[in-house]
Amino acid sequence: MVQTQSGRQFVRVINPKATSLSENVTCRPAAASELPDWWYCWSWGEPMHTADDPAGAATKVARVLAAVGE
């Protein structure tokens, strides 16, 4: 968990076998038109997975950060 000087918080996920593969994941409320209410989001702000399923979000991040051949 990382907290910036401005107070923004996120989780930095790093593949220990390939440290150049990393991602910063945030959790934030959805836009008014989206359901459910909270989402895990990629570092560029795109919603990744619903916040009520952390295991599903972790699976997506692990897939993206997997080194070739893992």
PDB file of N, CA and C in Angstrom:
ATOM      1  N   MET A   1       0.849  -1.159   0.000  1.00  0.00           N
ATOM      2  CA  MET A   1       0.000   0.000   0.000  1.00  0.00           C
ATOM      3  C   MET A   1       0.900   1.229   0.000  1.00  0.00           C
ATOM      4  N   VAL A   2       0.584   2.164  -0.874  1.00  0.00           N
ATOM      5  CA  VAL A   2       1.363   3.397  -1.005  1.00  0.00           C
ATOM      6  C   VAL A   2       0.415   4.576  -0.802  1.00  0.00           C
ATOM      7  N   GLN A   3       0.881   5.577  -0.068  1.00  0.00           N
ATOM      8  CA  GLN A   3       0.130   6.818   0.066  1.00  0.00           C
ATOM      9  C   GLN A   3       1.024   7.956  -0.380  1.00  0.00           C
ATOM     10  N   THR A   4       0.549   8.721  -1.350  1.00  0.00           N
ATOM     11  CA  THR A   4       1.323   9.844  -1.863  1.00  0.00           C
ATOM     12  C   THR A   4       1.233  11.016  -0.892  1.00  0.00           C
ATOM     13  N   GLN A   5       2.047  12.026  -1.108  1.00  0.00           N
ATOM     14  CA  GLN A   5       2.009  13.209  -0.253  1.00  0.00           C
ATOM     15  C   GLN A   5       0.655  13.901  -0.314  1.00  0.00           C
ATOM     16  N   SER A   6      -0.033  13.781  -1.434  1.00  0.00           N
ATOM     17  CA  SER A   6      -1.356  14.394  -1.573  1.00  0.00           C
ATOM     18  C   SER A   6      -2.446  13.581  -0.877  1.00  0.00           C
ATOM     19  N   GLY A   7      -2.119  12.372  -0.399  1.00  0.00           N
ATOM     20  CA  GLY A   7      -3.073  11.530   0.300  1.00  0.00           C
ATOM     21  C   GLY A   7      -3.671  10.424  -0.548  1.00  0.00           C
ATOM     22  N   ARG A   8      -3.403  10.455  -1.856  1.00  0.00           N
ATOM     23  CA  ARG A   8      -3.910   9.396  -2.744  1.00  0.00           C
ATOM     24  C   ARG A   8      -3.293   8.063  -2.337  1.00  0.00           C
ATOM     25  N   GLN A   9      -4.099   7.019  -2.297  1.00  0.00           N
ATOM     26  CA  GLN A   9      -3.622   5.701  -1.913  1.00  0.00           C
ATOM     27  C   GLN A   9      -3.823   4.713  -3.050  1.00  0.00           C
ATOM     28  N   PHE A  10      -2.894   3.774  -3.163  1.00  0.00           N
ATOM     29  CA  PHE A  10      -3.003   2.711  -4.157  1.00  0.00           C
ATOM     30  C   PHE A  10      -2.148   1.540  -3.717  1.00  0.00           C
ATOM     31  N   VAL A  11      -2.384   0.407  -4.342  1.00  0.00           N
ATOM     32  CA  VAL A  11      -1.577  -0.783  -4.087  1.00  0.00           C
ATOM     33  C   VAL A  11      -0.639  -0.958  -5.270  1.00  0.00           C
ATOM     34  N   ARG A  12       0.654  -1.061  -4.997  1.00  0.00           N
ATOM     35  CA  ARG A  12       1.636  -1.325  -6.045  1.00  0.00           C
ATOM     36  C   ARG A  12       1.893  -2.824  -6.056  1.00  0.00           C
ATOM     37  N   VAL A  13       1.638  -3.452  -7.192  1.00  0.00           N
ATOM     38  CA  VAL A  13       1.828  -4.894  -7.347  1.00  0.00           C
ATOM     39  C   VAL A  13       3.011  -5.107  -8.279  1.00  0.00           C
ATOM     40  N   ILE A  14       3.973  -5.916  -7.837  1.00  0.00           N
ATOM     41  CA  ILE A  14       5.197  -6.162  -8.608  1.00  0.00           C
ATOM     42  C   ILE A  14       5.414  -7.665  -8.724  1.00  0.00           C
ATOM     43  N   ASN A  15       5.732  -8.114  -9.927  1.00  0.00           N
ATOM     44  CA  ASN A  15       6.091  -9.516 -10.131  1.00  0.00           C
ATOM     45  C   ASN A  15       7.517  -9.691  -9.615  1.00  0.00           C
ATOM     46  N   PRO A  16       7.733 -10.474  -8.557  1.00  0.00           N
ATOM     47  CA  PRO A  16       9.082 -10.617  -7.989  1.00  0.00           C
ATOM     48  C   PRO A  16      10.070 -11.329  -8.923  1.00  0.00           C
ATOM     49  N   LYS A  17       9.549 -12.069  -9.914  1.00  0.00           N
ATOM     50  CA  LYS A  17      10.424 -12.755 -10.866  1.00  0.00           C
ATOM     51  C   LYS A  17      10.783 -11.882 -12.056  1.00  0.00           C
ATOM     52  N   ALA A  18      10.061 -10.772 -12.212  1.00  0.00           N
ATOM     53  CA  ALA A  18      10.323  -9.831 -13.312  1.00  0.00           C
ATOM     54  C   ALA A  18       9.883  -8.453 -12.812  1.00  0.00           C
ATOM     55  N   THR A  19      10.736  -7.811 -12.048  1.00  0.00           N
ATOM     56  CA  THR A  19      10.354  -6.582 -11.343  1.00  0.00           C
ATOM     57  C   THR A  19       9.984  -5.420 -12.267  1.00  0.00           C
ATOM     58  N   SER A  20      10.290  -5.516 -13.542  1.00  0.00           N
ATOM     59  CA  SER A  20       9.857  -4.472 -14.468  1.00  0.00           C
ATOM     60  C   SER A  20       8.354  -4.573 -14.744  1.00  0.00           C
ATOM     61  N   LEU A  21       7.748  -5.700 -14.392  1.00  0.00           N
ATOM     62  CA  LEU A  21       6.311  -5.886 -14.548  1.00  0.00           C
ATOM     63  C   LEU A  21       5.628  -5.463 -13.249  1.00  0.00           C
ATOM     64  N   SER A  22       4.957  -4.321 -13.287  1.00  0.00           N
ATOM     65  CA  SER A  22       4.282  -3.818 -12.095  1.00  0.00           C
ATOM     66  C   SER A  22       3.024  -3.052 -12.491  1.00  0.00           C
ATOM     67  N   GLU A  23       2.170  -2.838 -11.525  1.00  0.00           N
ATOM     68  CA  GLU A  23       0.922  -2.110 -11.753  1.00  0.00           C
ATOM     69  C   GLU A  23       0.498  -1.447 -10.450  1.00  0.00           C
ATOM     70  N   ASN A  24      -0.082  -0.264 -10.557  1.00  0.00           N
ATOM     71  CA  ASN A  24      -0.660   0.436  -9.419  1.00  0.00           C
ATOM     72  C   ASN A  24      -2.170   0.320  -9.522  1.00  0.00           C
ATOM     73  N   VAL A  25      -2.790  -0.269  -8.498  1.00  0.00           N
ATOM     74  CA  VAL A  25      -4.228  -0.523  -8.510  1.00  0.00           C
ATOM     75  C   VAL A  25      -4.905   0.374  -7.480  1.00  0.00           C
ATOM     76  N   THR A  26      -5.974   1.048  -7.901  1.00  0.00           N
ATOM     77  CA  THR A  26      -6.764   1.868  -6.993  1.00  0.00           C
ATOM     78  C   THR A  26      -8.150   1.260  -6.842  1.00  0.00           C
ATOM     79  N   CYS A  27      -8.893   1.747  -5.876  1.00  0.00           N
ATOM     80  CA  CYS A  27     -10.288   1.371  -5.708  1.00  0.00           C
ATOM     81  C   CYS A  27     -11.060   2.673  -5.567  1.00  0.00           C
ATOM     82  N   ARG A  28     -12.098   2.823  -6.382  1.00  0.00           N
ATOM     83  CA  ARG A  28     -12.835   4.085  -6.347  1.00  0.00           C
ATOM     84  C   ARG A  28     -14.293   3.872  -6.728  1.00  0.00           C
ATOM     85  N   PRO A  29     -15.108   4.864  -6.386  1.00  0.00           N
ATOM     86  CA  PRO A  29     -16.527   4.739  -6.730  1.00  0.00           C
ATOM     87  C   PRO A  29     -16.732   4.807  -8.233  1.00  0.00           C
ATOM     88  N   ALA A  30     -17.747   4.120  -8.684  1.00  0.00           N
ATOM     89  CA  ALA A  30     -18.067   4.098 -10.109  1.00  0.00           C
ATOM     90  C   ALA A  30     -18.723   5.406 -10.528  1.00  0.00           C
ATOM     91  N   ALA A  31     -18.706   5.657 -11.825  1.00  0.00           N
ATOM     92  CA  ALA A  31     -19.451   6.786 -12.369  1.00  0.00           C
ATOM     93  C   ALA A  31     -20.940   6.533 -12.122  1.00  0.00           C
ATOM     94  N   ALA A  32     -21.727   7.571 -12.149  1.00  0.00           N
ATOM     95  CA  ALA A  32     -23.149   7.460 -11.819  1.00  0.00           C
ATOM     96  C   ALA A  32     -23.878   6.405 -12.659  1.00  0.00           C
ATOM     97  N   SER A  33     -23.440   6.193 -13.878  1.00  0.00           N
ATOM     98  CA  SER A  33     -24.146   5.259 -14.760  1.00  0.00           C
ATOM     99  C   SER A  33     -23.712   3.808 -14.576  1.00  0.00           C
ATOM    100  N   GLU A  34     -22.673   3.578 -13.801  1.00  0.00           N
ATOM    101  CA  GLU A  34     -22.145   2.217 -13.653  1.00  0.00           C
ATOM    102  C   GLU A  34     -22.649   1.556 -12.375  1.00  0.00           C
ATOM    103  N   LEU A  35     -22.788   0.241 -12.429  1.00  0.00           N
ATOM    104  CA  LEU A  35     -23.068  -0.558 -11.245  1.00  0.00           C
ATOM    105  C   LEU A  35     -22.104  -1.713 -11.243  1.00  0.00           C
ATOM    106  N   PRO A  36     -21.682  -2.272 -10.173  1.00  0.00           N
ATOM    107  CA  PRO A  36     -21.932  -1.847  -8.799  1.00  0.00           C
ATOM    108  C   PRO A  36     -21.212  -0.551  -8.455  1.00  0.00           C
ATOM    109  N   ASP A  37     -21.227  -0.200  -7.178  1.00  0.00           N
ATOM    110  CA  ASP A  37     -20.794   1.123  -6.761  1.00  0.00           C
ATOM    111  C   ASP A  37     -19.283   1.348  -6.747  1.00  0.00           C
ATOM    112  N   TRP A  38     -18.492   0.316  -6.469  1.00  0.00           N
ATOM    113  CA  TRP A  38     -17.032   0.484  -6.344  1.00  0.00           C
ATOM    114  C   TRP A  38     -16.307  -0.469  -7.279  1.00  0.00           C
ATOM    115  N   TRP A  39     -15.169  -0.003  -7.804  1.00  0.00           N
ATOM    116  CA  TRP A  39     -14.354  -0.770  -8.754  1.00  0.00           C
ATOM    117  C   TRP A  39     -12.876  -0.701  -8.393  1.00  0.00           C
ATOM    118  N   TYR A  40     -12.159  -1.785  -8.661  1.00  0.00           N
ATOM    119  CA  TYR A  40     -10.697  -1.728  -8.718  1.00  0.00           C
ATOM    120  C   TYR A  40     -10.365  -1.173 -10.091  1.00  0.00           C
ATOM    121  N   CYS A  41      -9.366  -0.310 -10.160  1.00  0.00           N
ATOM    122  CA  CYS A  41      -9.026   0.334 -11.431  1.00  0.00           C
ATOM    123  C   CYS A  41      -7.544   0.189 -11.732  1.00  0.00           C
ATOM    124  N   TRP A  42      -7.244   0.092 -13.028  1.00  0.00           N
ATOM    125  CA  TRP A  42      -5.856   0.084 -13.497  1.00  0.00           C
ATOM    126  C   TRP A  42      -5.234   1.460 -13.253  1.00  0.00           C
ATOM    127  N   SER A  43      -3.951   1.559 -13.362  1.00  0.00           N
ATOM    128  CA  SER A  43      -3.239   2.817 -13.097  1.00  0.00           C
ATOM    129  C   SER A  43      -3.689   3.944 -14.014  1.00  0.00           C
ATOM    130  N   TRP A  44      -4.182   3.642 -15.205  1.00  0.00           N
ATOM    131  CA  TRP A  44      -4.619   4.683 -16.136  1.00  0.00           C
ATOM    132  C   TRP A  44      -6.089   5.054 -15.918  1.00  0.00           C
ATOM    133  N   GLY A  45      -6.740   4.463 -14.891  1.00  0.00           N
ATOM    134  CA  GLY A  45      -8.090   4.843 -14.518  1.00  0.00           C
ATOM    135  C   GLY A  45      -9.205   3.974 -15.041  1.00  0.00           C
ATOM    136  N   GLU A  46      -8.895   3.053 -15.930  1.00  0.00           N
ATOM    137  CA  GLU A  46      -9.936   2.173 -16.481  1.00  0.00           C
ATOM    138  C   GLU A  46     -10.400   1.174 -15.421  1.00  0.00           C
ATOM    139  N   PRO A  47     -11.722   1.044 -15.233  1.00  0.00           N
ATOM    140  CA  PRO A  47     -12.209   0.034 -14.288  1.00  0.00           C
ATOM    141  C   PRO A  47     -11.747  -1.366 -14.712  1.00  0.00           C
ATOM    142  N   MET A  48     -11.285  -2.132 -13.723  1.00  0.00           N
ATOM    143  CA  MET A  48     -10.759  -3.467 -13.987  1.00  0.00           C
ATOM    144  C   MET A  48     -11.718  -4.555 -13.509  1.00  0.00           C
ATOM    145  N   HIS A  49     -12.249  -4.389 -12.284  1.00  0.00           N
ATOM    146  CA  HIS A  49     -13.047  -5.454 -11.688  1.00  0.00           C
ATOM    147  C   HIS A  49     -13.852  -4.867 -10.531  1.00  0.00           C
ATOM    148  N   THR A  50     -14.998  -5.466 -10.258  1.00  0.00           N
ATOM    149  CA  THR A  50     -15.824  -4.977  -9.154  1.00  0.00           C
ATOM    150  C   THR A  50     -15.115  -5.170  -7.813  1.00  0.00           C
ATOM    151  N   ALA A  51     -15.306  -4.220  -6.921  1.00  0.00           N
ATOM    152  CA  ALA A  51     -14.619  -4.249  -5.628  1.00  0.00           C
ATOM    153  C   ALA A  51     -15.146  -5.333  -4.700  1.00  0.00           C
ATOM    154  N   ASP A  52     -16.306  -5.901  -5.009  1.00  0.00           N
ATOM    155  CA  ASP A  52     -16.841  -6.960  -4.151  1.00  0.00           C
ATOM    156  C   ASP A  52     -16.224  -8.327  -4.442  1.00  0.00           C
ATOM    157  N   ASP A  53     -15.246  -8.378  -5.343  1.00  0.00           N
ATOM    158  CA  ASP A  53     -14.575  -9.636  -5.695  1.00  0.00           C
ATOM    159  C   ASP A  53     -13.061  -9.415  -5.790  1.00  0.00           C
ATOM    160  N   PRO A  54     -12.376  -9.233  -4.640  1.00  0.00           N
ATOM    161  CA  PRO A  54     -10.931  -8.982  -4.686  1.00  0.00           C
ATOM    162  C   PRO A  54     -10.138 -10.131  -5.305  1.00  0.00           C
ATOM    163  N   ALA A  55     -10.592 -11.367  -5.137  1.00  0.00           N
ATOM    164  CA  ALA A  55      -9.873 -12.505  -5.735  1.00  0.00           C
ATOM    165  C   ALA A  55      -9.925 -12.429  -7.257  1.00  0.00           C
ATOM    166  N   GLY A  56     -11.047 -12.032  -7.804  1.00  0.00           N
ATOM    167  CA  GLY A  56     -11.161 -11.876  -9.252  1.00  0.00           C
ATOM    168  C   GLY A  56     -10.242 -10.783  -9.772  1.00  0.00           C
ATOM    169  N   ALA A  57     -10.165  -9.679  -9.035  1.00  0.00           N
ATOM    170  CA  ALA A  57      -9.266  -8.590  -9.424  1.00  0.00           C
ATOM    171  C   ALA A  57      -7.818  -9.055  -9.357  1.00  0.00           C
ATOM    172  N   ALA A  58      -7.471  -9.779  -8.299  1.00  0.00           N
ATOM    173  CA  ALA A  58      -6.101 -10.276  -8.153  1.00  0.00           C
ATOM    174  C   ALA A  58      -5.734 -11.221  -9.290  1.00  0.00           C
ATOM    175  N   THR A  59      -6.680 -12.038  -9.729  1.00  0.00           N
ATOM    176  CA  THR A  59      -6.429 -12.951 -10.850  1.00  0.00           C
ATOM    177  C   THR A  59      -6.121 -12.170 -12.120  1.00  0.00           C
ATOM    178  N   LYS A  60      -6.873 -11.096 -12.371  1.00  0.00           N
ATOM    179  CA  LYS A  60      -6.617 -10.271 -13.560  1.00  0.00           C
ATOM    180  C   LYS A  60      -5.244  -9.628 -13.503  1.00  0.00           C
ATOM    181  N   VAL A  61      -4.885  -9.069 -12.350  1.00  0.00           N
ATOM    182  CA  VAL A  61      -3.575  -8.425 -12.218  1.00  0.00           C
ATOM    183  C   VAL A  61      -2.466  -9.457 -12.394  1.00  0.00           C
ATOM    184  N   ALA A  62      -2.616 -10.628 -11.786  1.00  0.00           N
ATOM    185  CA  ALA A  62      -1.602 -11.672 -11.914  1.00  0.00           C
ATOM    186  C   ALA A  62      -1.420 -12.095 -13.367  1.00  0.00           C
ATOM    187  N   ARG A  63      -2.512 -12.186 -14.098  1.00  0.00           N
ATOM    188  CA  ARG A  63      -2.434 -12.566 -15.517  1.00  0.00           C
ATOM    189  C   ARG A  63      -1.664 -11.512 -16.315  1.00  0.00           C
ATOM    190  N   VAL A  64      -1.959 -10.255 -16.051  1.00  0.00           N
ATOM    191  CA  VAL A  64      -1.284  -9.171 -16.781  1.00  0.00           C
ATOM    192  C   VAL A  64       0.197  -9.085 -16.424  1.00  0.00           C
ATOM    193  N   LEU A  65       0.537  -9.333 -15.170  1.00  0.00           N
ATOM    194  CA  LEU A  65       1.932  -9.196 -14.729  1.00  0.00           C
ATOM    195  C   LEU A  65       2.741 -10.478 -14.853  1.00  0.00           C
ATOM    196  N   ALA A  66       2.153 -11.535 -15.375  1.00  0.00           N
ATOM    197  CA  ALA A  66       2.881 -12.795 -15.521  1.00  0.00           C
ATOM    198  C   ALA A  66       4.000 -12.636 -16.562  1.00  0.00           C
ATOM    199  N   ALA A  67       5.176 -13.127 -16.198  1.00  0.00           N
ATOM    200  CA  ALA A  67       6.295 -13.118 -17.135  1.00  0.00           C
ATOM    201  C   ALA A  67       6.070 -14.196 -18.184  1.00  0.00           C
ATOM    202  N   VAL A  68       6.585 -13.997 -19.366  1.00  0.00           N
ATOM    203  CA  VAL A  68       6.471 -14.985 -20.427  1.00  0.00           C
ATOM    204  C   VAL A  68       7.049 -16.316 -19.934  1.00  0.00           C
ATOM    205  N   GLY A  69       6.301 -17.378 -20.118  1.00  0.00           N
ATOM    206  CA  GLY A  69       6.763 -18.692 -19.711  1.00  0.00           C
ATOM    207  C   GLY A  69       6.330 -19.087 -18.314  1.00  0.00           C
ATOM    208  N   GLU A  70       5.665 -18.199 -17.577  1.00  0.00           N
ATOM    209  CA  GLU A  70       5.205 -18.558 -16.222  1.00  0.00           C
ATOM    210  C   GLU A  70       3.964 -19.389 -16.310  1.00  0.00           C
TER     211      GLU A  70
END
